[in-house]
N, C-alpha and C. Protein backbone atom coordinates (compact mmCIF):
# COMPACT_ATOMS: atom_id res chain seq x y z
N MET A 1 -11.91 -8.03 -11.20
CA MET A 1 -12.12 -8.61 -12.52
C MET A 1 -11.61 -10.04 -12.54
N PHE A 2 -12.46 -10.95 -12.95
CA PHE A 2 -12.08 -12.36 -12.95
C PHE A 2 -11.65 -12.81 -14.34
N LEU A 3 -10.73 -13.74 -14.37
CA LEU A 3 -10.23 -14.25 -15.65
C LEU A 3 -11.21 -15.19 -16.30
N ASN A 4 -11.93 -15.93 -15.49
CA ASN A 4 -12.99 -16.81 -15.99
C ASN A 4 -13.87 -17.24 -14.81
N ALA A 5 -14.82 -18.12 -15.08
CA ALA A 5 -15.76 -18.55 -14.04
C ALA A 5 -15.05 -19.30 -12.91
N LYS A 6 -14.05 -20.09 -13.27
CA LYS A 6 -13.32 -20.84 -12.24
C LYS A 6 -12.59 -19.89 -11.30
N HIS A 7 -12.04 -18.83 -11.87
CA HIS A 7 -11.35 -17.83 -11.07
C HIS A 7 -12.33 -17.18 -10.08
N GLU A 8 -13.51 -16.88 -10.55
CA GLU A 8 -14.53 -16.28 -9.67
C GLU A 8 -14.91 -17.23 -8.54
N THR A 9 -15.03 -18.51 -8.87
CA THR A 9 -15.35 -19.52 -7.86
C THR A 9 -14.24 -19.61 -6.82
N ALA A 10 -13.00 -19.59 -7.28
CA ALA A 10 -11.86 -19.65 -6.35
C ALA A 10 -11.88 -18.47 -5.40
N GLU A 11 -12.20 -17.29 -5.92
CA GLU A 11 -12.28 -16.09 -5.09
C GLU A 11 -13.36 -16.22 -4.03
N LYS A 12 -14.50 -16.76 -4.43
CA LYS A 12 -15.60 -16.94 -3.48
C LYS A 12 -15.22 -17.94 -2.39
N LEU A 13 -14.54 -18.98 -2.77
CA LEU A 13 -14.10 -19.97 -1.78
C LEU A 13 -13.11 -19.36 -0.80
N LEU A 14 -12.23 -18.51 -1.31
CA LEU A 14 -11.27 -17.83 -0.44
C LEU A 14 -11.99 -16.95 0.57
N LYS A 15 -12.97 -16.19 0.10
CA LYS A 15 -13.71 -15.30 1.00
C LYS A 15 -14.50 -16.08 2.04
N LYS A 16 -14.95 -17.26 1.66
CA LYS A 16 -15.71 -18.10 2.60
C LYS A 16 -14.79 -18.84 3.56
N GLY A 17 -13.49 -18.76 3.33
CA GLY A 17 -12.55 -19.45 4.21
C GLY A 17 -12.30 -20.89 3.85
N GLU A 18 -12.78 -21.33 2.68
CA GLU A 18 -12.56 -22.70 2.24
C GLU A 18 -11.23 -22.73 1.48
N LEU A 19 -10.17 -22.67 2.24
CA LEU A 19 -8.85 -22.42 1.69
C LEU A 19 -8.30 -23.56 0.83
N GLN A 20 -8.49 -24.78 1.27
CA GLN A 20 -7.95 -25.91 0.50
C GLN A 20 -8.64 -26.02 -0.86
N LYS A 21 -9.95 -25.81 -0.87
CA LYS A 21 -10.67 -25.86 -2.15
C LYS A 21 -10.23 -24.72 -3.06
N ALA A 22 -10.05 -23.54 -2.45
CA ALA A 22 -9.59 -22.40 -3.24
C ALA A 22 -8.20 -22.67 -3.80
N LEU A 23 -7.33 -23.26 -2.99
CA LEU A 23 -5.97 -23.56 -3.42
C LEU A 23 -5.97 -24.54 -4.59
N GLU A 24 -6.81 -25.54 -4.52
CA GLU A 24 -6.90 -26.52 -5.61
C GLU A 24 -7.29 -25.84 -6.92
N LEU A 25 -8.25 -24.91 -6.84
CA LEU A 25 -8.68 -24.23 -8.06
C LEU A 25 -7.59 -23.31 -8.60
N TYR A 26 -6.88 -22.63 -7.71
CA TYR A 26 -5.80 -21.76 -8.18
C TYR A 26 -4.68 -22.58 -8.80
N ASN A 27 -4.40 -23.74 -8.25
CA ASN A 27 -3.40 -24.62 -8.85
C ASN A 27 -3.81 -25.00 -10.27
N GLU A 28 -5.09 -25.34 -10.43
CA GLU A 28 -5.60 -25.72 -11.75
C GLU A 28 -5.54 -24.53 -12.71
N LEU A 29 -5.91 -23.34 -12.21
CA LEU A 29 -5.92 -22.16 -13.07
C LEU A 29 -4.53 -21.81 -13.58
N ILE A 30 -3.54 -21.94 -12.71
CA ILE A 30 -2.17 -21.62 -13.13
C ILE A 30 -1.68 -22.62 -14.16
N LYS A 31 -2.07 -23.88 -14.00
CA LYS A 31 -1.70 -24.89 -15.00
C LYS A 31 -2.39 -24.61 -16.34
N GLU A 32 -3.64 -24.17 -16.27
CA GLU A 32 -4.43 -23.93 -17.48
C GLU A 32 -4.06 -22.64 -18.18
N LEU A 33 -3.84 -21.56 -17.42
CA LEU A 33 -3.67 -20.22 -18.00
C LEU A 33 -2.22 -19.75 -18.03
N GLY A 34 -1.35 -20.50 -17.39
CA GLY A 34 0.06 -20.12 -17.41
C GLY A 34 0.40 -19.06 -16.38
N GLU A 35 1.50 -18.40 -16.60
CA GLU A 35 2.03 -17.45 -15.63
C GLU A 35 1.27 -16.12 -15.68
N ASN A 36 0.32 -16.00 -14.79
CA ASN A 36 -0.49 -14.79 -14.70
C ASN A 36 -0.27 -14.15 -13.33
N PRO A 37 0.12 -12.88 -13.26
CA PRO A 37 0.40 -12.27 -11.96
C PRO A 37 -0.79 -12.22 -11.02
N ILE A 38 -1.97 -12.10 -11.57
CA ILE A 38 -3.17 -12.06 -10.73
C ILE A 38 -3.36 -13.39 -10.01
N LEU A 39 -3.15 -14.48 -10.74
CA LEU A 39 -3.34 -15.80 -10.14
C LEU A 39 -2.27 -16.08 -9.09
N TYR A 40 -1.03 -15.71 -9.38
CA TYR A 40 0.03 -15.92 -8.38
C TYR A 40 -0.23 -15.07 -7.14
N SER A 41 -0.69 -13.86 -7.35
CA SER A 41 -1.00 -12.99 -6.21
C SER A 41 -2.14 -13.57 -5.38
N ASP A 42 -3.19 -14.03 -6.06
CA ASP A 42 -4.32 -14.60 -5.36
C ASP A 42 -3.94 -15.87 -4.60
N ARG A 43 -3.15 -16.73 -5.25
CA ARG A 43 -2.74 -17.96 -4.57
C ARG A 43 -1.82 -17.63 -3.40
N GLY A 44 -1.03 -16.57 -3.56
CA GLY A 44 -0.19 -16.13 -2.45
C GLY A 44 -1.01 -15.74 -1.24
N VAL A 45 -2.17 -15.13 -1.48
CA VAL A 45 -3.07 -14.77 -0.38
C VAL A 45 -3.61 -16.02 0.31
N VAL A 46 -3.92 -17.05 -0.47
CA VAL A 46 -4.37 -18.31 0.11
C VAL A 46 -3.28 -18.88 1.02
N PHE A 47 -2.05 -18.88 0.52
CA PHE A 47 -0.93 -19.38 1.32
C PHE A 47 -0.74 -18.55 2.59
N LEU A 48 -0.99 -17.25 2.48
CA LEU A 48 -0.86 -16.40 3.66
C LEU A 48 -1.85 -16.85 4.73
N HIS A 49 -3.09 -17.09 4.32
CA HIS A 49 -4.11 -17.51 5.28
C HIS A 49 -3.83 -18.91 5.83
N LEU A 50 -3.13 -19.70 5.05
CA LEU A 50 -2.71 -21.03 5.52
C LEU A 50 -1.43 -20.94 6.36
N ASN A 51 -0.90 -19.73 6.47
CA ASN A 51 0.33 -19.46 7.23
C ASN A 51 1.53 -20.23 6.67
N LEU A 52 1.56 -20.35 5.34
CA LEU A 52 2.68 -21.01 4.66
C LEU A 52 3.59 -19.93 4.09
N LYS A 53 4.59 -19.56 4.86
CA LYS A 53 5.42 -18.40 4.54
C LYS A 53 6.15 -18.54 3.21
N GLU A 54 6.88 -19.62 3.03
CA GLU A 54 7.71 -19.76 1.83
C GLU A 54 6.86 -19.77 0.57
N GLU A 55 5.74 -20.50 0.62
CA GLU A 55 4.86 -20.57 -0.55
C GLU A 55 4.24 -19.21 -0.86
N CYS A 56 3.83 -18.53 0.21
CA CYS A 56 3.22 -17.21 0.06
C CYS A 56 4.20 -16.22 -0.58
N ILE A 57 5.38 -16.11 -0.02
CA ILE A 57 6.37 -15.16 -0.52
C ILE A 57 6.79 -15.53 -1.95
N SER A 58 6.89 -16.81 -2.21
CA SER A 58 7.28 -17.26 -3.55
C SER A 58 6.27 -16.81 -4.60
N ASP A 59 4.99 -16.99 -4.30
CA ASP A 59 3.95 -16.61 -5.27
C ASP A 59 3.87 -15.09 -5.43
N LEU A 60 3.96 -14.35 -4.34
CA LEU A 60 3.90 -12.89 -4.44
C LEU A 60 5.14 -12.35 -5.14
N SER A 61 6.25 -13.02 -4.97
CA SER A 61 7.47 -12.62 -5.68
C SER A 61 7.33 -12.89 -7.17
N LYS A 62 6.69 -14.00 -7.51
CA LYS A 62 6.45 -14.31 -8.92
C LYS A 62 5.54 -13.26 -9.55
N ALA A 63 4.51 -12.84 -8.81
CA ALA A 63 3.61 -11.81 -9.31
C ALA A 63 4.36 -10.50 -9.56
N ALA A 64 5.26 -10.15 -8.63
CA ALA A 64 6.05 -8.93 -8.78
C ALA A 64 7.03 -9.05 -9.95
N GLN A 65 7.56 -10.24 -10.14
CA GLN A 65 8.48 -10.48 -11.26
C GLN A 65 7.76 -10.30 -12.59
N LEU A 66 6.52 -10.74 -12.65
CA LEU A 66 5.74 -10.64 -13.88
C LEU A 66 5.24 -9.23 -14.14
N GLN A 67 5.08 -8.43 -13.07
CA GLN A 67 4.66 -7.04 -13.20
C GLN A 67 5.58 -6.14 -12.38
N PRO A 68 6.82 -5.99 -12.82
CA PRO A 68 7.82 -5.28 -12.01
C PRO A 68 7.57 -3.79 -11.85
N ASP A 69 6.71 -3.21 -12.68
CA ASP A 69 6.44 -1.77 -12.59
C ASP A 69 5.11 -1.47 -11.91
N TYR A 70 4.49 -2.48 -11.32
CA TYR A 70 3.18 -2.32 -10.69
C TYR A 70 3.37 -2.27 -9.18
N SER A 71 3.20 -1.09 -8.60
CA SER A 71 3.48 -0.88 -7.17
C SER A 71 2.67 -1.79 -6.27
N TYR A 72 1.46 -2.12 -6.70
CA TYR A 72 0.56 -2.96 -5.90
C TYR A 72 1.20 -4.30 -5.56
N ARG A 73 1.98 -4.85 -6.49
CA ARG A 73 2.61 -6.16 -6.25
C ARG A 73 3.60 -6.08 -5.08
N TYR A 74 4.35 -5.00 -5.01
CA TYR A 74 5.33 -4.85 -3.93
C TYR A 74 4.63 -4.55 -2.60
N ALA A 75 3.56 -3.77 -2.67
CA ALA A 75 2.81 -3.47 -1.45
C ALA A 75 2.19 -4.74 -0.85
N CYS A 76 1.71 -5.60 -1.72
CA CYS A 76 1.14 -6.87 -1.25
C CYS A 76 2.22 -7.75 -0.60
N ARG A 77 3.35 -7.85 -1.27
CA ARG A 77 4.42 -8.68 -0.70
C ARG A 77 4.94 -8.06 0.59
N ALA A 78 4.99 -6.73 0.65
CA ALA A 78 5.41 -6.06 1.88
C ALA A 78 4.48 -6.41 3.02
N PHE A 79 3.17 -6.43 2.73
CA PHE A 79 2.19 -6.79 3.76
C PHE A 79 2.45 -8.21 4.26
N ALA A 80 2.75 -9.11 3.32
CA ALA A 80 3.03 -10.50 3.70
C ALA A 80 4.31 -10.59 4.53
N TYR A 81 5.36 -9.90 4.09
CA TYR A 81 6.60 -9.88 4.87
C TYR A 81 6.33 -9.40 6.29
N SER A 82 5.56 -8.35 6.40
CA SER A 82 5.23 -7.80 7.72
C SER A 82 4.47 -8.83 8.55
N HIS A 83 3.53 -9.52 7.90
CA HIS A 83 2.74 -10.55 8.59
C HIS A 83 3.66 -11.64 9.16
N PHE A 84 4.68 -11.98 8.41
CA PHE A 84 5.61 -13.04 8.84
C PHE A 84 6.80 -12.49 9.63
N LYS A 85 6.68 -11.24 10.08
CA LYS A 85 7.68 -10.60 10.94
C LYS A 85 9.02 -10.37 10.24
N LEU A 86 9.01 -10.27 8.94
CA LEU A 86 10.22 -9.96 8.18
C LEU A 86 10.20 -8.47 7.88
N LEU A 87 10.51 -7.66 8.90
CA LEU A 87 10.31 -6.22 8.80
C LEU A 87 11.26 -5.55 7.81
N ASP A 88 12.52 -5.97 7.77
CA ASP A 88 13.47 -5.34 6.85
C ASP A 88 13.03 -5.56 5.39
N GLU A 89 12.60 -6.77 5.10
CA GLU A 89 12.14 -7.06 3.74
C GLU A 89 10.87 -6.27 3.41
N ALA A 90 9.99 -6.14 4.40
CA ALA A 90 8.76 -5.39 4.20
C ALA A 90 9.06 -3.92 3.91
N ILE A 91 10.01 -3.36 4.64
CA ILE A 91 10.40 -1.96 4.43
C ILE A 91 10.91 -1.75 3.01
N VAL A 92 11.77 -2.65 2.55
CA VAL A 92 12.31 -2.53 1.19
C VAL A 92 11.19 -2.54 0.16
N ASP A 93 10.22 -3.43 0.35
CA ASP A 93 9.12 -3.52 -0.62
C ASP A 93 8.20 -2.31 -0.56
N TYR A 94 7.92 -1.81 0.63
CA TYR A 94 7.09 -0.60 0.71
C TYR A 94 7.82 0.59 0.10
N GLN A 95 9.13 0.64 0.27
CA GLN A 95 9.90 1.72 -0.36
C GLN A 95 9.81 1.62 -1.88
N LYS A 96 9.84 0.41 -2.40
CA LYS A 96 9.69 0.22 -3.85
C LYS A 96 8.29 0.62 -4.29
N ALA A 97 7.29 0.27 -3.48
CA ALA A 97 5.91 0.59 -3.83
C ALA A 97 5.70 2.10 -3.93
N VAL A 98 6.22 2.85 -2.96
CA VAL A 98 6.02 4.30 -3.00
C VAL A 98 6.93 4.96 -4.04
N GLU A 99 8.00 4.30 -4.40
CA GLU A 99 8.84 4.81 -5.49
C GLU A 99 8.07 4.74 -6.80
N LEU A 100 7.37 3.63 -7.01
CA LEU A 100 6.58 3.45 -8.22
C LEU A 100 5.29 4.27 -8.20
N ASP A 101 4.72 4.41 -7.02
CA ASP A 101 3.49 5.20 -6.88
C ASP A 101 3.62 6.10 -5.66
N PRO A 102 4.19 7.29 -5.84
CA PRO A 102 4.40 8.20 -4.71
C PRO A 102 3.12 8.67 -4.04
N GLU A 103 1.97 8.44 -4.66
CA GLU A 103 0.72 8.92 -4.10
C GLU A 103 -0.07 7.80 -3.41
N ASP A 104 0.60 6.70 -3.10
CA ASP A 104 -0.05 5.59 -2.41
C ASP A 104 0.00 5.85 -0.91
N ALA A 105 -1.07 6.42 -0.38
CA ALA A 105 -1.12 6.81 1.04
C ALA A 105 -0.99 5.61 1.97
N VAL A 106 -1.61 4.50 1.60
CA VAL A 106 -1.57 3.31 2.44
C VAL A 106 -0.14 2.79 2.58
N ALA A 107 0.58 2.73 1.46
CA ALA A 107 1.96 2.24 1.50
C ALA A 107 2.85 3.17 2.32
N HIS A 108 2.66 4.48 2.17
CA HIS A 108 3.41 5.44 2.98
C HIS A 108 3.14 5.22 4.46
N ASN A 109 1.87 5.05 4.80
CA ASN A 109 1.50 4.86 6.21
C ASN A 109 2.07 3.56 6.77
N ASN A 110 1.93 2.48 6.02
CA ASN A 110 2.45 1.19 6.49
C ASN A 110 3.97 1.21 6.61
N LEU A 111 4.61 1.89 5.67
CA LEU A 111 6.06 2.03 5.73
C LEU A 111 6.45 2.81 6.98
N GLY A 112 5.68 3.85 7.29
CA GLY A 112 5.94 4.63 8.50
C GLY A 112 5.84 3.79 9.75
N MET A 113 4.84 2.92 9.81
CA MET A 113 4.66 2.08 10.99
C MET A 113 5.84 1.12 11.18
N LEU A 114 6.34 0.58 10.07
CA LEU A 114 7.48 -0.33 10.16
C LEU A 114 8.75 0.41 10.55
N LEU A 115 8.95 1.58 9.97
CA LEU A 115 10.13 2.38 10.32
C LEU A 115 10.09 2.77 11.80
N GLU A 116 8.90 3.06 12.28
CA GLU A 116 8.75 3.41 13.71
C GLU A 116 9.12 2.23 14.58
N GLN A 117 8.71 1.03 14.18
CA GLN A 117 9.07 -0.17 14.95
C GLN A 117 10.58 -0.39 14.97
N LYS A 118 11.24 0.01 13.88
CA LYS A 118 12.69 -0.17 13.79
C LYS A 118 13.45 0.96 14.47
N GLY A 119 12.73 1.96 14.96
CA GLY A 119 13.37 3.05 15.68
C GLY A 119 13.72 4.27 14.86
N TYR A 120 13.27 4.29 13.59
CA TYR A 120 13.56 5.44 12.73
C TYR A 120 12.40 6.43 12.81
N LYS A 121 12.33 7.12 13.93
CA LYS A 121 11.17 7.97 14.21
C LYS A 121 11.02 9.13 13.22
N ASP A 122 12.10 9.81 12.91
CA ASP A 122 12.01 10.97 12.02
C ASP A 122 11.50 10.58 10.64
N GLU A 123 12.07 9.50 10.11
CA GLU A 123 11.62 9.03 8.80
C GLU A 123 10.19 8.53 8.86
N ALA A 124 9.84 7.87 9.96
CA ALA A 124 8.47 7.39 10.13
C ALA A 124 7.49 8.56 10.15
N ASP A 125 7.83 9.60 10.89
CA ASP A 125 6.96 10.77 10.97
C ASP A 125 6.79 11.42 9.60
N ARG A 126 7.85 11.40 8.82
CA ARG A 126 7.76 11.98 7.47
C ARG A 126 6.79 11.18 6.60
N ARG A 127 6.85 9.86 6.72
CA ARG A 127 5.93 9.02 5.95
C ARG A 127 4.49 9.21 6.41
N PHE A 128 4.30 9.35 7.72
CA PHE A 128 2.95 9.58 8.24
C PHE A 128 2.39 10.90 7.70
N ALA A 129 3.26 11.92 7.65
CA ALA A 129 2.83 13.23 7.17
C ALA A 129 2.42 13.16 5.71
N VAL A 130 3.18 12.43 4.91
CA VAL A 130 2.85 12.27 3.49
C VAL A 130 1.53 11.53 3.35
N ALA A 131 1.37 10.44 4.12
CA ALA A 131 0.13 9.66 4.05
C ALA A 131 -1.07 10.50 4.43
N ASP A 132 -0.91 11.31 5.48
CA ASP A 132 -2.01 12.16 5.94
C ASP A 132 -2.38 13.19 4.89
N LYS A 133 -1.38 13.77 4.27
CA LYS A 133 -1.61 14.78 3.23
C LYS A 133 -2.33 14.17 2.04
N LEU A 134 -1.89 12.99 1.62
CA LEU A 134 -2.52 12.31 0.48
C LEU A 134 -3.96 11.92 0.80
N ALA A 135 -4.18 11.44 2.03
CA ALA A 135 -5.53 11.04 2.43
C ALA A 135 -6.47 12.24 2.44
N LYS A 136 -5.98 13.37 2.95
CA LYS A 136 -6.80 14.58 2.98
C LYS A 136 -7.09 15.08 1.57
N ALA A 137 -6.08 14.97 0.69
CA ALA A 137 -6.28 15.39 -0.69
C ALA A 137 -7.33 14.51 -1.36
N GLU A 138 -7.28 13.21 -1.07
CA GLU A 138 -8.27 12.30 -1.65
C GLU A 138 -9.67 12.65 -1.15
N ASP A 139 -9.80 12.90 0.15
CA ASP A 139 -11.10 13.25 0.72
C ASP A 139 -11.65 14.53 0.08
N ARG A 140 -10.78 15.53 -0.09
CA ARG A 140 -11.21 16.80 -0.68
C ARG A 140 -11.62 16.60 -2.13
N LEU A 141 -10.87 15.80 -2.87
CA LEU A 141 -11.22 15.54 -4.26
C LEU A 141 -12.55 14.82 -4.37
N GLN A 142 -12.79 13.91 -3.46
CA GLN A 142 -14.07 13.20 -3.49
C GLN A 142 -15.21 14.17 -3.24
N GLU A 143 -15.00 15.10 -2.31
CA GLU A 143 -16.02 16.12 -2.05
C GLU A 143 -16.25 16.98 -3.29
N MET A 144 -15.15 17.38 -3.93
CA MET A 144 -15.25 18.22 -5.12
C MET A 144 -15.99 17.50 -6.24
N MET A 145 -15.66 16.23 -6.44
CA MET A 145 -16.30 15.48 -7.51
C MET A 145 -17.79 15.29 -7.22
N THR A 146 -18.12 15.07 -5.94
CA THR A 146 -19.53 14.94 -5.57
C THR A 146 -20.29 16.23 -5.83
N GLU A 147 -19.66 17.34 -5.46
CA GLU A 147 -20.29 18.64 -5.69
C GLU A 147 -20.50 18.89 -7.18
N LEU A 148 -19.50 18.53 -7.97
CA LEU A 148 -19.61 18.73 -9.41
C LEU A 148 -20.67 17.83 -10.02
N GLU A 149 -20.78 16.61 -9.53
CA GLU A 149 -21.78 15.69 -10.05
C GLU A 149 -23.19 16.15 -9.70
N GLN A 150 -23.36 16.63 -8.47
CA GLN A 150 -24.68 17.06 -8.03
C GLN A 150 -25.09 18.36 -8.70
N GLY A 151 -24.13 19.29 -8.87
CA GLY A 151 -24.42 20.55 -9.53
C GLY A 151 -25.32 21.44 -8.69
N ASN A 152 -25.63 22.57 -9.23
CA ASN A 152 -26.52 23.52 -8.56
C ASN A 152 -27.53 24.07 -9.55
N SER A 153 -28.14 23.18 -10.34
CA SER A 153 -29.04 23.60 -11.40
C SER A 153 -30.23 24.39 -10.87
N SER A 154 -30.82 23.94 -9.75
CA SER A 154 -31.99 24.63 -9.23
C SER A 154 -31.63 26.03 -8.74
N GLU A 155 -30.44 26.13 -8.15
CA GLU A 155 -29.99 27.43 -7.65
C GLU A 155 -29.69 28.37 -8.80
N LYS A 156 -29.08 27.84 -9.87
CA LYS A 156 -28.73 28.67 -11.01
C LYS A 156 -29.96 29.16 -11.74
N SER A 157 -30.99 28.33 -11.83
CA SER A 157 -32.18 28.70 -12.58
C SER A 157 -32.89 29.90 -11.98
N SER A 158 -32.69 30.17 -10.70
CA SER A 158 -33.36 31.28 -10.05
C SER A 158 -32.58 32.58 -10.16
N LEU A 159 -31.37 32.53 -10.77
CA LEU A 159 -30.54 33.71 -10.91
C LEU A 159 -30.89 34.47 -12.19
N PRO A 160 -30.67 35.79 -12.19
CA PRO A 160 -30.80 36.56 -13.43
C PRO A 160 -29.85 36.02 -14.48
N GLU A 161 -30.13 36.32 -15.76
CA GLU A 161 -29.35 35.78 -16.86
C GLU A 161 -27.86 36.07 -16.71
N ASN A 162 -27.49 37.32 -16.40
CA ASN A 162 -26.08 37.67 -16.29
C ASN A 162 -25.41 36.93 -15.14
N SER A 163 -26.11 36.86 -14.00
CA SER A 163 -25.55 36.17 -12.85
C SER A 163 -25.43 34.68 -13.12
N ARG A 164 -26.43 34.13 -13.83
CA ARG A 164 -26.40 32.70 -14.14
C ARG A 164 -25.22 32.39 -15.04
N ARG A 165 -24.95 33.28 -16.02
CA ARG A 165 -23.82 33.07 -16.91
C ARG A 165 -22.51 33.12 -16.13
N GLU A 166 -22.44 34.06 -15.18
CA GLU A 166 -21.24 34.16 -14.35
C GLU A 166 -21.04 32.89 -13.53
N GLU A 167 -22.15 32.38 -12.99
CA GLU A 167 -22.06 31.14 -12.21
C GLU A 167 -21.63 29.98 -13.08
N GLU A 168 -22.15 29.93 -14.31
CA GLU A 168 -21.78 28.85 -15.22
C GLU A 168 -20.30 28.93 -15.58
N ASP A 169 -19.81 30.16 -15.82
CA ASP A 169 -18.40 30.32 -16.12
C ASP A 169 -17.54 29.90 -14.92
N LYS A 170 -18.01 30.26 -13.73
CA LYS A 170 -17.28 29.90 -12.51
C LYS A 170 -17.24 28.39 -12.34
N LEU A 171 -18.40 27.73 -12.60
CA LEU A 171 -18.46 26.28 -12.46
C LEU A 171 -17.54 25.60 -13.47
N THR A 172 -17.52 26.14 -14.70
CA THR A 172 -16.65 25.57 -15.73
C THR A 172 -15.19 25.64 -15.29
N ALA A 173 -14.82 26.79 -14.71
CA ALA A 173 -13.44 26.95 -14.22
C ALA A 173 -13.16 25.97 -13.10
N GLU A 174 -14.13 25.78 -12.21
CA GLU A 174 -13.95 24.85 -11.10
C GLU A 174 -13.83 23.42 -11.62
N GLU A 175 -14.64 23.09 -12.63
CA GLU A 175 -14.58 21.75 -13.20
C GLU A 175 -13.20 21.50 -13.82
N THR A 176 -12.68 22.51 -14.53
CA THR A 176 -11.36 22.36 -15.13
C THR A 176 -10.30 22.17 -14.07
N SER A 177 -10.36 23.02 -13.02
CA SER A 177 -9.40 22.91 -11.93
C SER A 177 -9.50 21.57 -11.24
N ALA A 178 -10.74 21.15 -10.96
CA ALA A 178 -10.94 19.86 -10.28
C ALA A 178 -10.47 18.72 -11.16
N GLY A 179 -10.73 18.84 -12.47
CA GLY A 179 -10.30 17.79 -13.38
C GLY A 179 -8.79 17.65 -13.40
N GLN A 180 -8.12 18.82 -13.41
CA GLN A 180 -6.65 18.79 -13.40
C GLN A 180 -6.12 18.19 -12.11
N GLU A 181 -6.72 18.57 -11.00
CA GLU A 181 -6.26 18.04 -9.71
C GLU A 181 -6.58 16.55 -9.62
N PHE A 182 -7.74 16.16 -10.12
CA PHE A 182 -8.13 14.75 -10.10
C PHE A 182 -7.12 13.93 -10.88
N LYS A 183 -6.73 14.43 -12.07
CA LYS A 183 -5.76 13.71 -12.88
C LYS A 183 -4.42 13.63 -12.17
N LYS A 184 -4.02 14.72 -11.53
CA LYS A 184 -2.74 14.77 -10.84
C LYS A 184 -2.68 13.76 -9.71
N ILE A 185 -3.75 13.68 -8.92
CA ILE A 185 -3.76 12.80 -7.74
C ILE A 185 -4.03 11.36 -8.12
N PHE A 186 -4.92 11.13 -9.09
CA PHE A 186 -5.40 9.77 -9.32
C PHE A 186 -4.87 9.12 -10.60
N THR A 187 -3.82 9.65 -11.16
CA THR A 187 -3.24 9.04 -12.35
C THR A 187 -2.94 7.56 -12.12
N SER A 188 -2.44 7.24 -10.95
CA SER A 188 -2.09 5.85 -10.64
C SER A 188 -2.85 5.36 -9.41
N LYS A 189 -4.07 5.88 -9.20
CA LYS A 189 -4.79 5.53 -7.99
C LYS A 189 -5.54 4.22 -8.09
N LYS A 190 -5.54 3.59 -9.29
CA LYS A 190 -6.18 2.29 -9.38
C LYS A 190 -5.54 1.32 -8.39
N GLN A 191 -4.19 1.36 -8.34
CA GLN A 191 -3.48 0.51 -7.40
C GLN A 191 -3.86 0.86 -5.96
N PHE A 192 -3.93 2.15 -5.68
CA PHE A 192 -4.27 2.60 -4.32
C PHE A 192 -5.64 2.10 -3.91
N LYS A 193 -6.64 2.27 -4.79
CA LYS A 193 -7.99 1.85 -4.45
C LYS A 193 -8.07 0.34 -4.26
N GLU A 194 -7.36 -0.39 -5.14
CA GLU A 194 -7.34 -1.84 -5.00
C GLU A 194 -6.73 -2.24 -3.67
N PHE A 195 -5.64 -1.58 -3.30
CA PHE A 195 -4.96 -1.96 -2.07
C PHE A 195 -5.78 -1.60 -0.83
N VAL A 196 -6.46 -0.43 -0.88
CA VAL A 196 -7.34 -0.06 0.23
C VAL A 196 -8.41 -1.12 0.42
N GLN A 197 -9.04 -1.54 -0.68
CA GLN A 197 -10.08 -2.56 -0.58
C GLN A 197 -9.49 -3.88 -0.12
N PHE A 198 -8.27 -4.15 -0.59
CA PHE A 198 -7.56 -5.37 -0.22
C PHE A 198 -7.39 -5.45 1.29
N ILE A 199 -6.97 -4.34 1.90
CA ILE A 199 -6.78 -4.29 3.34
C ILE A 199 -8.13 -4.41 4.06
N LYS A 200 -9.14 -3.70 3.57
CA LYS A 200 -10.46 -3.74 4.20
C LYS A 200 -11.04 -5.16 4.18
N ASN A 201 -10.70 -5.92 3.14
CA ASN A 201 -11.22 -7.28 3.02
C ASN A 201 -10.38 -8.29 3.79
N GLY A 202 -9.44 -7.81 4.57
CA GLY A 202 -8.60 -8.73 5.35
C GLY A 202 -7.59 -9.46 4.51
N PHE A 203 -6.94 -8.71 3.58
CA PHE A 203 -5.92 -9.26 2.68
C PHE A 203 -6.50 -10.33 1.78
N LYS A 204 -7.74 -10.09 1.36
CA LYS A 204 -8.37 -10.96 0.37
C LYS A 204 -8.63 -10.14 -0.86
N ARG A 205 -8.07 -10.57 -1.98
CA ARG A 205 -8.18 -9.82 -3.22
C ARG A 205 -9.61 -9.85 -3.75
């Protein structure tokens, strides 16, 4: 979601690798719109690609300061810390991210990798196990939601009335169960989905 047309242009420039032009626009946007965590986060990504450590960490820290309860901000800064070989700082931020969003599989996995590098194998394995469990749960939920969306109307129509009613009751129960599980897993998954896409895009928001 873009704040305005200039913000969208800055994002396109970033994706195209025109970093200086993107930086100029983000500088203008921050002057025009004030302290916005999205803009600081985005400009931090530009600084990351420019390999400007202090500027990058400063902007991502500002974004986290403005949204202290948003796990995504800490996960982003953790990624930057890791990029700049600041592993202890990255671990602290990933720990904060999973504290705020215990169902963030990516943060658990990345935290595990850093802990493994530091020699904390048991704790790393625990994080990997959590990440794997969450990822499998997400995959299963996606399958369930797809099945529910597609339905079995053609199959049900060929059943006798009593059997069809039983199938409909069964489907209703499954929908309720799936809905409850979906809510349980994805209450805070907006951050997770954003971060997954963030990583897939090469740390480009």
